[in-house]
Amino acid sequence: MNKYRKFVGIFLCIELILIAISNVLFFIMAHINEPEIRRTQETTGTIYKVIYTQTDHKTLILMNVGMGIMFLLSVFLVMYIGKKILKPFHRMMSLTEELEDVKEYRKENVVFGNKSNLTDTNGNALEARNATVYQAIEDSKLKFFNSKNEKITSIEPGHAYATGDFLQKNDLQPGDKIMITYGNVKLSVILDGEAKDALLGSSMMGNNRFLLSKHDEGKLAAQADFWP
């Protein structure tokens, strides 16, 4: 903001200087056109011709009024930019410095795939909604519950929970196996059931989430970038 204030000061000073220069030039031109006497010689004798020009004060006033309005508009514009655009942006940049109560933060790692990653044990494609999400239950900050409304706190390696209507769409039951192919990794997991997902569980959402063990999620993550 200090640099912007300096810029505004210089910009407005330049405008005032230009207004002053315009007035000086106007008065110089008016002085050049002051009344003058010219001498002409004719055969009948010497005749003096007086040429009179009057300074146009009306033009000077209108010129200064116009430049004054432009100057006021410039003042309004720079003040508006500073107050409505730069000041909120400056506050946002210094937000982390003002929040002294924030001591630490954590990342929730998620691996994104697509529905082509999913097949049954015979290699047949399974139906899923758009992109799929693979996540370790240990990393999740959300709470997930099974069909008995029991909180899911751990998942054994080789097992998984599916959210949404994935089981119903593919006529699967708890205990069935599916294959997850991701990059060079082929992961066979046993479905322990459906997990209730407050974020992606609705049929209106376009993704299916699969909760895995940290061990199995790590195999998939090795093939992809993390999305915090």
C-alpha atoms as a PDB file:
ATOM      1  CA  MET A   1       0.000   0.000   0.000  1.00  0.00           C
ATOM      2  CA  ASN A   2       2.891   2.404   0.674  1.00  0.00           C
ATOM      3  CA  LYS A   3       4.121   2.007  -2.911  1.00  0.00           C
ATOM      4  CA  TYR A   4       0.602   2.662  -4.192  1.00  0.00           C
ATOM      5  CA  ARG A   5       0.288   5.842  -2.093  1.00  0.00           C
ATOM      6  CA  LYS A   6       3.616   7.023  -3.496  1.00  0.00           C
ATOM      7  CA  PHE A   7       2.420   6.294  -7.029  1.00  0.00           C
ATOM      8  CA  VAL A   8      -0.850   8.171  -6.426  1.00  0.00           C
ATOM      9  CA  GLY A   9       1.027  11.199  -5.042  1.00  0.00           C
ATOM     10  CA  ILE A  10       3.330  11.350  -8.052  1.00  0.00           C
ATOM     11  CA  PHE A  11       0.452  10.810 -10.504  1.00  0.00           C
ATOM     12  CA  LEU A  12      -1.680  13.613  -9.042  1.00  0.00           C
ATOM     13  CA  CYS A  13       1.280  15.978  -8.808  1.00  0.00           C
ATOM     14  CA  ILE A  14       1.998  15.425 -12.510  1.00  0.00           C
ATOM     15  CA  GLU A  15      -1.629  16.271 -13.312  1.00  0.00           C
ATOM     16  CA  LEU A  16      -1.404  19.515 -11.297  1.00  0.00           C
ATOM     17  CA  ILE A  17       1.862  20.434 -13.016  1.00  0.00           C
ATOM     18  CA  LEU A  18       0.267  19.870 -16.432  1.00  0.00           C
ATOM     19  CA  ILE A  19      -2.665  22.107 -15.471  1.00  0.00           C
ATOM     20  CA  ALA A  20      -0.243  24.819 -14.350  1.00  0.00           C
ATOM     21  CA  ILE A  21       1.786  24.533 -17.576  1.00  0.00           C
ATOM     22  CA  SER A  22      -1.406  24.824 -19.629  1.00  0.00           C
ATOM     23  CA  ASN A  23      -2.299  28.068 -17.849  1.00  0.00           C
ATOM     24  CA  VAL A  24       1.187  29.493 -18.325  1.00  0.00           C
ATOM     25  CA  LEU A  25       1.113  28.692 -22.049  1.00  0.00           C
ATOM     26  CA  PHE A  26      -2.307  30.280 -22.367  1.00  0.00           C
ATOM     27  CA  PHE A  27      -1.120  33.561 -20.787  1.00  0.00           C
ATOM     28  CA  ILE A  28       2.010  33.571 -22.956  1.00  0.00           C
ATOM     29  CA  MET A  29      -0.081  33.236 -26.079  1.00  0.00           C
ATOM     30  CA  ALA A  30      -2.445  35.966 -24.818  1.00  0.00           C
ATOM     31  CA  HIS A  31       0.534  38.258 -24.196  1.00  0.00           C
ATOM     32  CA  ILE A  32       1.831  37.700 -27.723  1.00  0.00           C
ATOM     33  CA  ASN A  33      -1.548  38.776 -29.095  1.00  0.00           C
ATOM     34  CA  GLU A  34      -1.719  42.050 -27.074  1.00  0.00           C
ATOM     35  CA  PRO A  35      -2.861  45.266 -28.825  1.00  0.00           C
ATOM     36  CA  GLU A  36      -0.164  46.604 -31.202  1.00  0.00           C
ATOM     37  CA  ILE A  37       0.449  49.519 -33.545  1.00  0.00           C
ATOM     38  CA  ARG A  38       1.665  48.903 -37.062  1.00  0.00           C
ATOM     39  CA  ARG A  39       2.993  51.616 -39.366  1.00  0.00           C
ATOM     40  CA  THR A  40       2.111  51.604 -43.035  1.00  0.00           C
ATOM     41  CA  GLN A  41       3.420  53.955 -45.690  1.00  0.00           C
ATOM     42  CA  GLU A  42       1.145  55.193 -48.427  1.00  0.00           C
ATOM     43  CA  THR A  43       1.580  57.816 -51.182  1.00  0.00           C
ATOM     44  CA  THR A  44      -0.631  60.311 -49.355  1.00  0.00           C
ATOM     45  CA  GLY A  45       1.474  60.235 -46.217  1.00  0.00           C
ATOM     46  CA  THR A  46       2.068  58.212 -43.124  1.00  0.00           C
ATOM     47  CA  ILE A  47      -0.926  56.280 -41.680  1.00  0.00           C
ATOM     48  CA  TYR A  48      -0.873  54.424 -38.403  1.00  0.00           C
ATOM     49  CA  LYS A  49      -3.134  51.360 -38.143  1.00  0.00           C
ATOM     50  CA  VAL A  50      -4.101  50.077 -34.682  1.00  0.00           C
ATOM     51  CA  ILE A  51      -4.809  46.317 -34.368  1.00  0.00           C
ATOM     52  CA  TYR A  52      -6.567  45.328 -31.108  1.00  0.00           C
ATOM     53  CA  THR A  53      -7.000  41.784 -29.799  1.00  0.00           C
ATOM     54  CA  GLN A  54      -8.799  40.992 -26.539  1.00  0.00           C
ATOM     55  CA  THR A  55      -7.722  38.227 -24.111  1.00  0.00           C
ATOM     56  CA  ASP A  56     -10.388  35.465 -24.067  1.00  0.00           C
ATOM     57  CA  HIS A  57     -10.957  34.940 -20.326  1.00  0.00           C
ATOM     58  CA  LYS A  58     -14.020  32.781 -20.967  1.00  0.00           C
ATOM     59  CA  THR A  59     -11.902  30.188 -22.752  1.00  0.00           C
ATOM     60  CA  LEU A  60      -9.424  30.220 -19.872  1.00  0.00           C
ATOM     61  CA  ILE A  61     -12.179  29.606 -17.317  1.00  0.00           C
ATOM     62  CA  LEU A  62     -13.733  26.761 -19.314  1.00  0.00           C
ATOM     63  CA  MET A  63     -10.323  25.168 -19.810  1.00  0.00           C
ATOM     64  CA  ASN A  64      -9.597  25.214 -16.068  1.00  0.00           C
ATOM     65  CA  VAL A  65     -13.048  23.914 -15.196  1.00  0.00           C
ATOM     66  CA  GLY A  66     -12.593  20.972 -17.588  1.00  0.00           C
ATOM     67  CA  MET A  67      -9.126  20.145 -16.288  1.00  0.00           C
ATOM     68  CA  GLY A  68     -10.357  20.496 -12.697  1.00  0.00           C
ATOM     69  CA  ILE A  69     -13.132  17.975 -13.339  1.00  0.00           C
ATOM     70  CA  MET A  70     -10.623  15.551 -14.869  1.00  0.00           C
ATOM     71  CA  PHE A  71      -8.374  15.988 -11.838  1.00  0.00           C
ATOM     72  CA  LEU A  72     -11.248  15.238  -9.430  1.00  0.00           C
ATOM     73  CA  LEU A  73     -12.193  12.146 -11.449  1.00  0.00           C
ATOM     74  CA  SER A  74      -8.580  10.954 -11.222  1.00  0.00           C
ATOM     75  CA  VAL A  75      -8.638  11.450  -7.435  1.00  0.00           C
ATOM     76  CA  PHE A  76     -11.870   9.457  -7.171  1.00  0.00           C
ATOM     77  CA  LEU A  77     -10.514   6.662  -9.378  1.00  0.00           C
ATOM     78  CA  VAL A  78      -7.255   6.147  -7.470  1.00  0.00           C
ATOM     79  CA  MET A  79      -9.083   6.293  -4.126  1.00  0.00           C
ATOM     80  CA  TYR A  80     -11.622   3.708  -5.314  1.00  0.00           C
ATOM     81  CA  ILE A  81      -8.908   1.348  -6.564  1.00  0.00           C
ATOM     82  CA  GLY A  82      -7.028   1.652  -3.292  1.00  0.00           C
ATOM     83  CA  LYS A  83     -10.069   1.127  -1.056  1.00  0.00           C
ATOM     84  CA  LYS A  84     -12.085  -1.471  -2.985  1.00  0.00           C
ATOM     85  CA  ILE A  85      -9.374  -3.524  -4.688  1.00  0.00           C
ATOM     86  CA  LEU A  86      -5.902  -3.138  -3.214  1.00  0.00           C
ATOM     87  CA  LYS A  87      -6.832  -2.791   0.464  1.00  0.00           C
ATOM     88  CA  PRO A  88      -8.904  -6.053   0.644  1.00  0.00           C
ATOM     89  CA  PHE A  89      -6.171  -7.879  -1.289  1.00  0.00           C
ATOM     90  CA  HIS A  90      -3.538  -6.566   1.122  1.00  0.00           C
ATOM     91  CA  ARG A  91      -5.620  -7.750   4.084  1.00  0.00           C
ATOM     92  CA  MET A  92      -5.989 -11.203   2.537  1.00  0.00           C
ATOM     93  CA  MET A  93      -2.221 -11.478   2.051  1.00  0.00           C
ATOM     94  CA  SER A  94      -1.557 -10.605   5.685  1.00  0.00           C
ATOM     95  CA  LEU A  95      -4.329 -12.862   7.026  1.00  0.00           C
ATOM     96  CA  THR A  96      -2.003 -15.696   8.035  1.00  0.00           C
ATOM     97  CA  GLU A  97       0.158 -13.251   9.990  1.00  0.00           C
ATOM     98  CA  GLU A  98      -2.858 -11.942  11.898  1.00  0.00           C
ATOM     99  CA  LEU A  99      -4.206 -15.402  12.828  1.00  0.00           C
ATOM    100  CA  GLU A 100      -1.860 -16.093  15.718  1.00  0.00           C
ATOM    101  CA  ASP A 101      -3.993 -19.020  16.931  1.00  0.00           C
ATOM    102  CA  VAL A 102      -3.040 -21.134  13.897  1.00  0.00           C
ATOM    103  CA  LYS A 103      -0.202 -23.317  15.155  1.00  0.00           C
ATOM    104  CA  GLU A 104      -0.172 -26.100  12.562  1.00  0.00           C
ATOM    105  CA  TYR A 105      -2.018 -27.571   9.595  1.00  0.00           C
ATOM    106  CA  ARG A 106      -2.408 -31.013   8.044  1.00  0.00           C
ATOM    107  CA  LYS A 107      -2.873 -32.319   4.536  1.00  0.00           C
ATOM    108  CA  GLU A 108      -5.497 -34.855   3.548  1.00  0.00           C
ATOM    109  CA  ASN A 109      -3.991 -36.882   0.722  1.00  0.00           C
ATOM    110  CA  VAL A 110      -6.368 -38.059  -1.979  1.00  0.00           C
ATOM    111  CA  VAL A 111      -5.694 -40.062  -5.154  1.00  0.00           C
ATOM    112  CA  PHE A 112      -7.973 -39.329  -8.100  1.00  0.00           C
ATOM    113  CA  GLY A 113      -8.718 -41.942 -10.730  1.00  0.00           C
ATOM    114  CA  ASN A 114     -11.535 -42.739 -13.134  1.00  0.00           C
ATOM    115  CA  LYS A 115     -14.170 -45.411 -13.479  1.00  0.00           C
ATOM    116  CA  SER A 116     -12.072 -47.376 -15.963  1.00  0.00           C
ATOM    117  CA  ASN A 117      -9.848 -48.339 -13.001  1.00  0.00           C
ATOM    118  CA  LEU A 118     -12.561 -50.634 -11.633  1.00  0.00           C
ATOM    119  CA  THR A 119     -13.325 -54.191 -12.774  1.00  0.00           C
ATOM    120  CA  ASP A 120     -14.637 -57.366 -11.223  1.00  0.00           C
ATOM    121  CA  THR A 121     -12.488 -60.468 -10.787  1.00  0.00           C
ATOM    122  CA  ASN A 122     -13.336 -61.547 -14.334  1.00  0.00           C
ATOM    123  CA  GLY A 123     -12.098 -58.290 -15.855  1.00  0.00           C
ATOM    124  CA  ASN A 124     -15.556 -56.871 -16.559  1.00  0.00           C
ATOM    125  CA  ALA A 125     -15.890 -53.112 -16.178  1.00  0.00           C
ATOM    126  CA  LEU A 126     -17.843 -51.855 -13.180  1.00  0.00           C
ATOM    127  CA  GLU A 127     -20.154 -48.862 -13.193  1.00  0.00           C
ATOM    128  CA  ALA A 128     -18.989 -45.767 -11.313  1.00  0.00           C
ATOM    129  CA  ARG A 129     -19.783 -42.065 -11.468  1.00  0.00           C
ATOM    130  CA  ASN A 130     -17.125 -40.071 -13.349  1.00  0.00           C
ATOM    131  CA  ALA A 131     -13.877 -39.655 -11.396  1.00  0.00           C
ATOM    132  CA  THR A 132     -13.139 -42.002  -8.515  1.00  0.00           C
ATOM    133  CA  VAL A 133     -11.484 -41.030  -5.251  1.00  0.00           C
ATOM    134  CA  TYR A 134      -9.140 -43.323  -3.320  1.00  0.00           C
ATOM    135  CA  GLN A 135      -8.287 -42.401   0.242  1.00  0.00           C
ATOM    136  CA  ALA A 136      -6.773 -43.933   3.350  1.00  0.00           C
ATOM    137  CA  ILE A 137      -9.171 -43.925   6.303  1.00  0.00           C
ATOM    138  CA  GLU A 138      -6.280 -42.886   8.573  1.00  0.00           C
ATOM    139  CA  ASP A 139      -5.732 -39.653   6.605  1.00  0.00           C
ATOM    140  CA  SER A 140      -9.356 -38.567   6.427  1.00  0.00           C
ATOM    141  CA  LYS A 141     -10.592 -35.692   8.577  1.00  0.00           C
ATOM    142  CA  LEU A 142     -14.192 -36.596   7.707  1.00  0.00           C
ATOM    143  CA  LYS A 143     -16.107 -39.198   9.682  1.00  0.00           C
ATOM    144  CA  PHE A 144     -17.437 -42.255   7.876  1.00  0.00           C
ATOM    145  CA  PHE A 145     -19.985 -44.785   9.176  1.00  0.00           C
ATOM    146  CA  ASN A 146     -20.901 -48.288   8.008  1.00  0.00           C
ATOM    147  CA  SER A 147     -24.426 -49.598   7.396  1.00  0.00           C
ATOM    148  CA  LYS A 148     -24.818 -50.186  11.153  1.00  0.00           C
ATOM    149  CA  ASN A 149     -23.997 -46.541  11.866  1.00  0.00           C
ATOM    150  CA  GLU A 150     -20.704 -47.566  13.446  1.00  0.00           C
ATOM    151  CA  LYS A 151     -17.777 -45.223  12.883  1.00  0.00           C
ATOM    152  CA  ILE A 152     -15.128 -46.653  10.546  1.00  0.00           C
ATOM    153  CA  THR A 153     -11.747 -46.105  12.188  1.00  0.00           C
ATOM    154  CA  SER A 154      -9.537 -48.706  10.508  1.00  0.00           C
ATOM    155  CA  ILE A 155      -9.468 -50.913   7.406  1.00  0.00           C
ATOM    156  CA  GLU A 156      -7.336 -54.000   6.944  1.00  0.00           C
ATOM    157  CA  PRO A 157      -4.981 -54.234   3.941  1.00  0.00           C
ATOM    158  CA  GLY A 158      -6.773 -55.899   1.037  1.00  0.00           C
ATOM    159  CA  HIS A 159     -10.156 -54.518   2.140  1.00  0.00           C
ATOM    160  CA  ALA A 160     -12.136 -51.431   1.171  1.00  0.00           C
ATOM    161  CA  TYR A 161     -15.366 -49.528   1.689  1.00  0.00           C
ATOM    162  CA  ALA A 162     -17.258 -47.939  -1.224  1.00  0.00           C
ATOM    163  CA  THR A 163     -19.432 -44.859  -0.816  1.00  0.00           C
ATOM    164  CA  GLY A 164     -22.593 -43.852  -2.621  1.00  0.00           C
ATOM    165  CA  ASP A 165     -24.573 -46.327  -4.714  1.00  0.00           C
ATOM    166  CA  PHE A 166     -21.570 -48.227  -6.129  1.00  0.00           C
ATOM    167  CA  LEU A 167     -22.573 -51.572  -4.610  1.00  0.00           C
ATOM    168  CA  GLN A 168     -26.205 -51.335  -5.703  1.00  0.00           C
ATOM    169  CA  LYS A 169     -25.376 -50.277  -9.287  1.00  0.00           C
ATOM    170  CA  ASN A 170     -23.027 -53.234  -9.750  1.00  0.00           C
ATOM    171  CA  ASP A 171     -25.116 -55.774  -7.806  1.00  0.00           C
ATOM    172  CA  LEU A 172     -22.289 -56.318  -5.313  1.00  0.00           C
ATOM    173  CA  GLN A 173     -22.476 -57.520  -1.732  1.00  0.00           C
ATOM    174  CA  PRO A 174     -20.126 -57.151   1.252  1.00  0.00           C
ATOM    175  CA  GLY A 175     -17.421 -59.778   0.849  1.00  0.00           C
ATOM    176  CA  ASP A 176     -17.230 -59.490  -2.957  1.00  0.00           C
ATOM    177  CA  LYS A 177     -13.880 -58.754  -4.562  1.00  0.00           C
ATOM    178  CA  ILE A 178     -13.087 -56.057  -7.095  1.00  0.00           C
ATOM    179  CA  MET A 179      -9.915 -55.072  -8.936  1.00  0.00           C
ATOM    180  CA  ILE A 180      -8.471 -51.556  -8.883  1.00  0.00           C
ATOM    181  CA  THR A 181      -5.980 -50.957 -11.691  1.00  0.00           C
ATOM    182  CA  TYR A 182      -4.023 -47.737 -11.330  1.00  0.00           C
ATOM    183  CA  GLY A 183      -0.929 -47.187 -13.419  1.00  0.00           C
ATOM    184  CA  ASN A 184       1.241 -50.271 -13.001  1.00  0.00           C
ATOM    185  CA  VAL A 185      -0.557 -51.353  -9.824  1.00  0.00           C
ATOM    186  CA  LYS A 186      -3.315 -53.968  -9.764  1.00  0.00           C
ATOM    187  CA  LEU A 187      -4.969 -54.067  -6.376  1.00  0.00           C
ATOM    188  CA  SER A 188      -7.482 -56.763  -5.387  1.00  0.00           C
ATOM    189  CA  VAL A 189      -9.698 -55.698  -2.488  1.00  0.00           C
ATOM    190  CA  ILE A 190     -12.611 -57.221  -0.609  1.00  0.00           C
ATOM    191  CA  LEU A 191     -15.554 -54.866  -0.159  1.00  0.00           C
ATOM    192  CA  ASP A 192     -16.474 -54.658   3.516  1.00  0.00           C
ATOM    193  CA  GLY A 193     -19.630 -52.753   2.666  1.00  0.00           C
ATOM    194  CA  GLU A 194     -20.945 -49.306   1.988  1.00  0.00           C
ATOM    195  CA  ALA A 195     -19.585 -46.263   3.821  1.00  0.00           C
ATOM    196  CA  LYS A 196     -21.847 -43.304   4.494  1.00  0.00           C
ATOM    197  CA  ASP A 197     -20.192 -40.268   2.957  1.00  0.00           C
ATOM    198  CA  ALA A 198     -21.597 -36.858   3.886  1.00  0.00           C
ATOM    199  CA  LEU A 199     -19.720 -35.174   1.040  1.00  0.00           C
ATOM    200  CA  LEU A 200     -19.774 -37.581  -1.935  1.00  0.00           C
ATOM    201  CA  GLY A 201     -22.414 -40.058  -0.827  1.00  0.00           C
ATOM    202  CA  SER A 202     -25.359 -38.351  -2.492  1.00  0.00           C
ATOM    203  CA  SER A 203     -26.464 -39.561  -5.922  1.00  0.00           C
ATOM    204  CA  MET A 204     -26.355 -35.928  -7.030  1.00  0.00           C
ATOM    205  CA  MET A 205     -22.590 -35.881  -6.593  1.00  0.00           C
ATOM    206  CA  GLY A 206     -20.452 -37.054  -9.474  1.00  0.00           C
ATOM    207  CA  ASN A 207     -17.836 -39.175  -7.703  1.00  0.00           C
ATOM    208  CA  ASN A 208     -17.454 -42.463  -5.853  1.00  0.00           C
ATOM    209  CA  ARG A 209     -15.035 -42.602  -2.942  1.00  0.00           C
ATOM    210  CA  PHE A 210     -13.189 -45.773  -1.933  1.00  0.00           C
ATOM    211  CA  LEU A 211     -11.771 -45.990   1.574  1.00  0.00           C
ATOM    212  CA  LEU A 212      -8.643 -48.113   1.802  1.00  0.00           C
ATOM    213  CA  SER A 213      -5.972 -49.005   4.296  1.00  0.00           C
ATOM    214  CA  LYS A 214      -2.939 -46.754   4.474  1.00  0.00           C
ATOM    215  CA  HIS A 215      -0.860 -49.570   3.004  1.00  0.00           C
ATOM    216  CA  ASP A 216      -3.062 -50.024  -0.082  1.00  0.00           C
ATOM    217  CA  GLU A 217      -3.580 -46.288  -0.614  1.00  0.00           C
ATOM    218  CA  GLY A 218       0.207 -45.890  -0.571  1.00  0.00           C
ATOM    219  CA  LYS A 219       0.531 -48.283  -3.502  1.00  0.00           C
ATOM    220  CA  LEU A 220      -1.840 -46.151  -5.576  1.00  0.00           C
ATOM    221  CA  ALA A 221      -0.292 -42.891  -4.436  1.00  0.00           C
ATOM    222  CA  ALA A 222       3.108 -44.064  -5.658  1.00  0.00           C
ATOM    223  CA  GLN A 223       1.654 -43.967  -9.178  1.00  0.00           C
ATOM    224  CA  ALA A 224       0.139 -40.483  -8.970  1.00  0.00           C
ATOM    225  CA  ASP A 225       0.504 -37.011  -7.531  1.00  0.00           C
ATOM    226  CA  PHE A 226      -1.050 -36.121  -4.192  1.00  0.00           C
ATOM    227  CA  TRP A 227      -4.022 -33.800  -4.126  1.00  0.00           C
ATOM    228  CA  PRO A 228      -4.181 -32.106  -0.695  1.00  0.00           C
END
